[in-house]
Amino acid sequence: MEESEIENPNPQFLQLHELKEGKRYSIYITTASGLYRYNMYDLMEVGPSFQNTPTIHLIQKLHGIVTITGEKLYEQQFVDAVHEAEKNTGIKTRFFIGFADLSIKGYEFYYEFENQDITQEQAEHFTEEVDRVLQETNIEYKAKRVSLRLKIPETYRVIPDSLEAFRAQCNAEGSRDEQFKLNLLSENEKRQGKFKNLVIEE
């Protein structure tokens, strides 16, 4: 189905020959073995055709698309914004992750910086740069920020080796290591809570 149809309760399903170059689609699979319109939760973009067959490029998992007030923020947009902020500020991260928090009508961004001496003030300046880039790349996000329906993202610095510490918490609760998957942008209160336990206290 087309990306614009993802939240439609009665979407139009298309077959391979109906796809158009440059458009994005969510993939559903039907097989002779019994799968019927099985949602792969992948977002793909159609490229040029090869011998009359459209080429496809996987963009990201659909679990990496979050929204609080209709802005539809993509995980890849967040990742790209952090990397752009790194270039613009000269501050490097070892790890980062973001969560949509409906209770505060905003996002929470967690950073493990390469330089652990980065202050909270510097970290908040880094988030301001991430926020600025997101507004440039996502017009709906910008509209919600300008109207103050979305608050400026909150900034948290986390301890060294935060990803490993998070993984250890998950494993201690029974998650097997081979099942460990992590979206860098999501709405997941349980995982958000685990990262709050790793925040550097002032």
C-alpha atoms as a PDB file:
ATOM      1  CA  MET A   1       0.000   0.000   0.000  1.00  0.00           C
ATOM      2  CA  GLU A   2       1.104   3.594  -0.532  1.00  0.00           C
ATOM      3  CA  GLU A   3       2.688   5.339   2.440  1.00  0.00           C
ATOM      4  CA  SER A   4      -0.269   7.734   2.613  1.00  0.00           C
ATOM      5  CA  GLU A   5      -2.600   4.742   3.109  1.00  0.00           C
ATOM      6  CA  ILE A   6      -0.803   3.262   6.131  1.00  0.00           C
ATOM      7  CA  GLU A   7      -3.322   4.589   8.676  1.00  0.00           C
ATOM      8  CA  ASN A   8      -6.344   4.074   6.425  1.00  0.00           C
ATOM      9  CA  PRO A   9      -8.579   1.320   7.893  1.00  0.00           C
ATOM     10  CA  ASN A  10      -9.578   0.322   4.339  1.00  0.00           C
ATOM     11  CA  PRO A  11      -6.410   0.827   2.280  1.00  0.00           C
ATOM     12  CA  GLN A  12      -5.981   0.069  -1.395  1.00  0.00           C
ATOM     13  CA  PHE A  13      -3.544  -2.777  -1.976  1.00  0.00           C
ATOM     14  CA  LEU A  14      -1.404  -2.698  -5.105  1.00  0.00           C
ATOM     15  CA  GLN A  15       0.499  -5.360  -7.001  1.00  0.00           C
ATOM     16  CA  LEU A  16       4.074  -5.085  -8.214  1.00  0.00           C
ATOM     17  CA  HIS A  17       3.228  -3.798 -11.690  1.00  0.00           C
ATOM     18  CA  GLU A  18       1.166  -0.957 -10.183  1.00  0.00           C
ATOM     19  CA  LEU A  19       4.038   0.621  -8.240  1.00  0.00           C
ATOM     20  CA  LYS A  20       5.366   4.007  -9.376  1.00  0.00           C
ATOM     21  CA  GLU A  21       8.979   5.143  -9.334  1.00  0.00           C
ATOM     22  CA  GLY A  22       9.802   7.601  -6.554  1.00  0.00           C
ATOM     23  CA  LYS A  23       6.858   6.650  -4.338  1.00  0.00           C
ATOM     24  CA  ARG A  24       7.049   4.898  -0.989  1.00  0.00           C
ATOM     25  CA  TYR A  25       5.052   1.842   0.016  1.00  0.00           C
ATOM     26  CA  SER A  26       4.472  -0.522   2.924  1.00  0.00           C
ATOM     27  CA  ILE A  27       5.065  -4.173   2.023  1.00  0.00           C
ATOM     28  CA  TYR A  28       2.429  -6.887   2.489  1.00  0.00           C
ATOM     29  CA  ILE A  29       3.008 -10.494   1.468  1.00  0.00           C
ATOM     30  CA  THR A  30       0.566 -13.212   0.383  1.00  0.00           C
ATOM     31  CA  THR A  31       1.905 -16.723  -0.238  1.00  0.00           C
ATOM     32  CA  ALA A  32       0.569 -20.121  -1.290  1.00  0.00           C
ATOM     33  CA  SER A  33       1.580 -21.476   2.119  1.00  0.00           C
ATOM     34  CA  GLY A  34      -1.141 -19.512   3.899  1.00  0.00           C
ATOM     35  CA  LEU A  35       0.155 -16.015   4.587  1.00  0.00           C
ATOM     36  CA  TYR A  36      -2.446 -13.450   3.544  1.00  0.00           C
ATOM     37  CA  ARG A  37      -1.526  -9.788   3.404  1.00  0.00           C
ATOM     38  CA  TYR A  38       1.137 -10.314   6.040  1.00  0.00           C
ATOM     39  CA  ASN A  39       2.534  -6.938   7.133  1.00  0.00           C
ATOM     40  CA  MET A  40       6.344  -6.885   6.916  1.00  0.00           C
ATOM     41  CA  TYR A  41       6.417  -3.499   8.713  1.00  0.00           C
ATOM     42  CA  ASP A  42       8.945  -2.273   6.141  1.00  0.00           C
ATOM     43  CA  LEU A  43       8.853   1.043   4.312  1.00  0.00           C
ATOM     44  CA  MET A  44      10.340   0.893   0.814  1.00  0.00           C
ATOM     45  CA  GLU A  45      10.891   3.327  -2.039  1.00  0.00           C
ATOM     46  CA  VAL A  46      10.546   2.345  -5.688  1.00  0.00           C
ATOM     47  CA  GLY A  47      13.496   3.004  -7.957  1.00  0.00           C
ATOM     48  CA  PRO A  48      13.993   2.638 -11.739  1.00  0.00           C
ATOM     49  CA  SER A  49      12.680  -0.534 -13.373  1.00  0.00           C
ATOM     50  CA  PHE A  50      14.966  -3.383 -14.406  1.00  0.00           C
ATOM     51  CA  GLN A  51      13.588  -5.340 -17.365  1.00  0.00           C
ATOM     52  CA  ASN A  52      10.050  -4.120 -16.612  1.00  0.00           C
ATOM     53  CA  THR A  53      10.345  -4.968 -12.910  1.00  0.00           C
ATOM     54  CA  PRO A  54      10.464  -2.110 -10.354  1.00  0.00           C
ATOM     55  CA  THR A  55      13.543  -2.040  -8.135  1.00  0.00           C
ATOM     56  CA  ILE A  56      12.894  -1.392  -4.470  1.00  0.00           C
ATOM     57  CA  HIS A  57      15.003   0.189  -1.742  1.00  0.00           C
ATOM     58  CA  LEU A  58      14.226  -0.493   1.910  1.00  0.00           C
ATOM     59  CA  ILE A  59      14.048   2.755   3.888  1.00  0.00           C
ATOM     60  CA  GLN A  60      13.289   1.637   7.444  1.00  0.00           C
ATOM     61  CA  LYS A  61      11.011  -0.400   9.658  1.00  0.00           C
ATOM     62  CA  LEU A  62       7.551   1.093  10.141  1.00  0.00           C
ATOM     63  CA  HIS A  63       8.031   0.781  13.901  1.00  0.00           C
ATOM     64  CA  GLY A  64      10.454   3.691  13.459  1.00  0.00           C
ATOM     65  CA  ILE A  65       7.668   6.123  12.533  1.00  0.00           C
ATOM     66  CA  VAL A  66       6.200   7.938  15.521  1.00  0.00           C
ATOM     67  CA  THR A  67       3.704  10.725  15.946  1.00  0.00           C
ATOM     68  CA  ILE A  68       2.412  12.748  18.869  1.00  0.00           C
ATOM     69  CA  THR A  69       0.268  15.405  17.174  1.00  0.00           C
ATOM     70  CA  GLY A  70       0.299  14.180  13.555  1.00  0.00           C
ATOM     71  CA  GLU A  71       3.882  15.096  12.652  1.00  0.00           C
ATOM     72  CA  LYS A  72       4.930  11.560  11.552  1.00  0.00           C
ATOM     73  CA  LEU A  73       8.577  11.718  12.508  1.00  0.00           C
ATOM     74  CA  TYR A  74      10.717   9.047  10.890  1.00  0.00           C
ATOM     75  CA  GLU A  75      13.546   7.248  12.639  1.00  0.00           C
ATOM     76  CA  GLN A  76      15.835   8.005   9.690  1.00  0.00           C
ATOM     77  CA  GLN A  77      15.012  11.725   9.918  1.00  0.00           C
ATOM     78  CA  PHE A  78      16.031  11.681  13.573  1.00  0.00           C
ATOM     79  CA  VAL A  79      19.246   9.757  12.840  1.00  0.00           C
ATOM     80  CA  ASP A  80      20.147  12.129  10.004  1.00  0.00           C
ATOM     81  CA  ALA A  81      19.404  15.167  12.208  1.00  0.00           C
ATOM     82  CA  VAL A  82      21.742  13.921  14.943  1.00  0.00           C
ATOM     83  CA  HIS A  83      24.528  13.335  12.422  1.00  0.00           C
ATOM     84  CA  GLU A  84      23.953  16.807  10.941  1.00  0.00           C
ATOM     85  CA  ALA A  85      24.085  18.307  14.434  1.00  0.00           C
ATOM     86  CA  GLU A  86      27.392  16.510  14.996  1.00  0.00           C
ATOM     87  CA  LYS A  87      28.816  18.184  11.891  1.00  0.00           C
ATOM     88  CA  ASN A  88      27.465  21.604  12.828  1.00  0.00           C
ATOM     89  CA  THR A  89      28.531  21.573  16.482  1.00  0.00           C
ATOM     90  CA  GLY A  90      31.676  19.436  16.411  1.00  0.00           C
ATOM     91  CA  ILE A  91      30.189  17.322  19.216  1.00  0.00           C
ATOM     92  CA  LYS A  92      30.308  13.572  18.588  1.00  0.00           C
ATOM     93  CA  THR A  93      28.021  10.880  19.980  1.00  0.00           C
ATOM     94  CA  ARG A  94      28.807   7.246  20.723  1.00  0.00           C
ATOM     95  CA  PHE A  95      25.120   6.354  20.999  1.00  0.00           C
ATOM     96  CA  PHE A  96      21.781   8.128  20.928  1.00  0.00           C
ATOM     97  CA  ILE A  97      18.100   7.274  21.083  1.00  0.00           C
ATOM     98  CA  GLY A  98      14.803   9.185  21.071  1.00  0.00           C
ATOM     99  CA  PHE A  99      11.354   8.547  22.491  1.00  0.00           C
ATOM    100  CA  ALA A 100       7.976  10.132  21.834  1.00  0.00           C
ATOM    101  CA  ASP A 101       6.320  10.969  25.144  1.00  0.00           C
ATOM    102  CA  LEU A 102       2.610  11.669  24.774  1.00  0.00           C
ATOM    103  CA  SER A 103       2.320  12.727  28.422  1.00  0.00           C
ATOM    104  CA  ILE A 104       4.520  15.776  27.842  1.00  0.00           C
ATOM    105  CA  LYS A 105       3.558  16.339  24.180  1.00  0.00           C
ATOM    106  CA  GLY A 106       7.183  16.152  23.148  1.00  0.00           C
ATOM    107  CA  TYR A 107      10.232  14.020  22.533  1.00  0.00           C
ATOM    108  CA  GLU A 108      13.024  12.940  24.842  1.00  0.00           C
ATOM    109  CA  PHE A 109      16.499  12.576  23.344  1.00  0.00           C
ATOM    110  CA  TYR A 110      19.208  10.565  25.122  1.00  0.00           C
ATOM    111  CA  TYR A 111      22.862  10.950  24.154  1.00  0.00           C
ATOM    112  CA  GLU A 112      26.066   9.189  25.096  1.00  0.00           C
ATOM    113  CA  PHE A 113      28.717  11.646  23.969  1.00  0.00           C
ATOM    114  CA  GLU A 114      32.250  10.634  23.050  1.00  0.00           C
ATOM    115  CA  ASN A 115      33.443  13.401  25.348  1.00  0.00           C
ATOM    116  CA  GLN A 116      31.921  12.682  28.739  1.00  0.00           C
ATOM    117  CA  ASP A 117      32.798  16.210  29.862  1.00  0.00           C
ATOM    118  CA  ILE A 118      30.020  17.659  27.686  1.00  0.00           C
ATOM    119  CA  THR A 119      27.863  19.747  30.007  1.00  0.00           C
ATOM    120  CA  GLN A 120      24.083  19.714  30.207  1.00  0.00           C
ATOM    121  CA  GLU A 121      24.064  23.185  28.647  1.00  0.00           C
ATOM    122  CA  GLN A 122      26.128  21.959  25.695  1.00  0.00           C
ATOM    123  CA  ALA A 123      23.894  18.911  25.364  1.00  0.00           C
ATOM    124  CA  GLU A 124      20.801  21.108  25.258  1.00  0.00           C
ATOM    125  CA  HIS A 125      22.429  23.260  22.572  1.00  0.00           C
ATOM    126  CA  PHE A 126      23.043  20.027  20.634  1.00  0.00           C
ATOM    127  CA  THR A 127      19.338  19.156  20.932  1.00  0.00           C
ATOM    128  CA  GLU A 128      18.405  22.622  19.692  1.00  0.00           C
ATOM    129  CA  GLU A 129      20.446  21.896  16.575  1.00  0.00           C
ATOM    130  CA  VAL A 130      18.790  18.484  16.136  1.00  0.00           C
ATOM    131  CA  ASP A 131      15.407  20.170  16.529  1.00  0.00           C
ATOM    132  CA  ARG A 132      16.307  22.819  13.947  1.00  0.00           C
ATOM    133  CA  VAL A 133      17.339  20.191  11.389  1.00  0.00           C
ATOM    134  CA  LEU A 134      14.169  18.182  12.014  1.00  0.00           C
ATOM    135  CA  GLN A 135      12.100  21.298  11.326  1.00  0.00           C
ATOM    136  CA  GLU A 136      13.954  21.771   8.043  1.00  0.00           C
ATOM    137  CA  THR A 137      13.350  18.202   6.900  1.00  0.00           C
ATOM    138  CA  ASN A 138       9.832  17.542   8.201  1.00  0.00           C
ATOM    139  CA  ILE A 139       7.300  20.304   7.502  1.00  0.00           C
ATOM    140  CA  GLU A 140       4.650  18.732   9.742  1.00  0.00           C
ATOM    141  CA  TYR A 141       7.104  18.573  12.626  1.00  0.00           C
ATOM    142  CA  LYS A 142       7.951  22.233  12.028  1.00  0.00           C
ATOM    143  CA  ALA A 143       4.274  23.222  11.981  1.00  0.00           C
ATOM    144  CA  LYS A 144       3.663  21.476  15.305  1.00  0.00           C
ATOM    145  CA  ARG A 145       6.774  23.036  16.881  1.00  0.00           C
ATOM    146  CA  VAL A 146       5.966  26.553  15.637  1.00  0.00           C
ATOM    147  CA  SER A 147       2.407  26.259  16.965  1.00  0.00           C
ATOM    148  CA  LEU A 148       3.812  24.896  20.267  1.00  0.00           C
ATOM    149  CA  ARG A 149       1.661  21.778  19.977  1.00  0.00           C
ATOM    150  CA  LEU A 150       5.017  20.020  20.261  1.00  0.00           C
ATOM    151  CA  LYS A 151       7.392  21.173  22.973  1.00  0.00           C
ATOM    152  CA  ILE A 152      11.134  21.473  22.408  1.00  0.00           C
ATOM    153  CA  PRO A 153      12.663  18.013  22.939  1.00  0.00           C
ATOM    154  CA  GLU A 154      14.034  17.263  26.376  1.00  0.00           C
ATOM    155  CA  THR A 155      17.737  16.429  26.658  1.00  0.00           C
ATOM    156  CA  TYR A 156      19.356  13.660  28.683  1.00  0.00           C
ATOM    157  CA  ARG A 157      23.006  12.601  28.915  1.00  0.00           C
ATOM    158  CA  VAL A 158      23.517   8.914  29.646  1.00  0.00           C
ATOM    159  CA  ILE A 159      26.381   6.998  31.226  1.00  0.00           C
ATOM    160  CA  PRO A 160      29.273   5.432  29.280  1.00  0.00           C
ATOM    161  CA  ASP A 161      28.453   2.118  27.596  1.00  0.00           C
ATOM    162  CA  SER A 162      24.753   2.913  27.941  1.00  0.00           C
ATOM    163  CA  LEU A 163      23.690   0.553  25.148  1.00  0.00           C
ATOM    164  CA  GLU A 164      25.495  -2.351  26.814  1.00  0.00           C
ATOM    165  CA  ALA A 165      23.903  -1.440  30.158  1.00  0.00           C
ATOM    166  CA  PHE A 166      20.475  -1.300  28.516  1.00  0.00           C
ATOM    167  CA  ARG A 167      21.041  -4.670  26.857  1.00  0.00           C
ATOM    168  CA  ALA A 168      22.055  -6.138  30.216  1.00  0.00           C
ATOM    169  CA  GLN A 169      18.807  -4.868  31.773  1.00  0.00           C
ATOM    170  CA  CYS A 170      16.803  -6.512  28.982  1.00  0.00           C
ATOM    171  CA  ASN A 171      18.706  -9.800  29.303  1.00  0.00           C
ATOM    172  CA  ALA A 172      18.161  -9.793  33.066  1.00  0.00           C
ATOM    173  CA  GLU A 173      14.424  -9.633  32.401  1.00  0.00           C
ATOM    174  CA  GLY A 174      14.568 -12.668  30.124  1.00  0.00           C
ATOM    175  CA  SER A 175      15.156 -11.181  26.666  1.00  0.00           C
ATOM    176  CA  ARG A 176      17.497 -13.377  24.667  1.00  0.00           C
ATOM    177  CA  ASP A 177      20.453 -11.604  23.076  1.00  0.00           C
ATOM    178  CA  GLU A 178      19.635 -12.894  19.578  1.00  0.00           C
ATOM    179  CA  GLN A 179      16.162 -11.340  19.869  1.00  0.00           C
ATOM    180  CA  PHE A 180      17.518  -7.926  20.804  1.00  0.00           C
ATOM    181  CA  LYS A 181      16.316  -5.253  18.393  1.00  0.00           C
ATOM    182  CA  LEU A 182      16.387  -1.543  19.014  1.00  0.00           C
ATOM    183  CA  ASN A 183      14.654   1.295  17.197  1.00  0.00           C
ATOM    184  CA  LEU A 184      16.477   4.594  17.629  1.00  0.00           C
ATOM    185  CA  LEU A 185      13.140   6.429  17.657  1.00  0.00           C
ATOM    186  CA  SER A 186      10.019   4.940  19.179  1.00  0.00           C
ATOM    187  CA  GLU A 187       7.127   5.283  21.586  1.00  0.00           C
ATOM    188  CA  ASN A 188       8.027   2.648  24.150  1.00  0.00           C
ATOM    189  CA  GLU A 189       7.496   3.596  27.786  1.00  0.00           C
ATOM    190  CA  LYS A 190       9.227   0.480  29.113  1.00  0.00           C
ATOM    191  CA  ARG A 191      12.435   1.094  27.173  1.00  0.00           C
ATOM    192  CA  GLN A 192      12.211   4.826  27.844  1.00  0.00           C
ATOM    193  CA  GLY A 193      12.148   4.048  31.557  1.00  0.00           C
ATOM    194  CA  LYS A 194      15.255   1.890  31.271  1.00  0.00           C
ATOM    195  CA  PHE A 195      17.191   4.722  29.641  1.00  0.00           C
ATOM    196  CA  LYS A 196      16.023   7.136  32.327  1.00  0.00           C
ATOM    197  CA  ASN A 197      17.790   4.841  34.792  1.00  0.00           C
ATOM    198  CA  LEU A 198      21.011   5.466  32.863  1.00  0.00           C
ATOM    199  CA  VAL A 199      20.857   9.268  32.926  1.00  0.00           C
ATOM    200  CA  ILE A 200      23.849  11.113  34.350  1.00  0.00           C
ATOM    201  CA  GLU A 201      22.754  12.903  37.495  1.00  0.00           C
ATOM    202  CA  GLU A 202      23.784  16.537  37.931  1.00  0.00           C
END
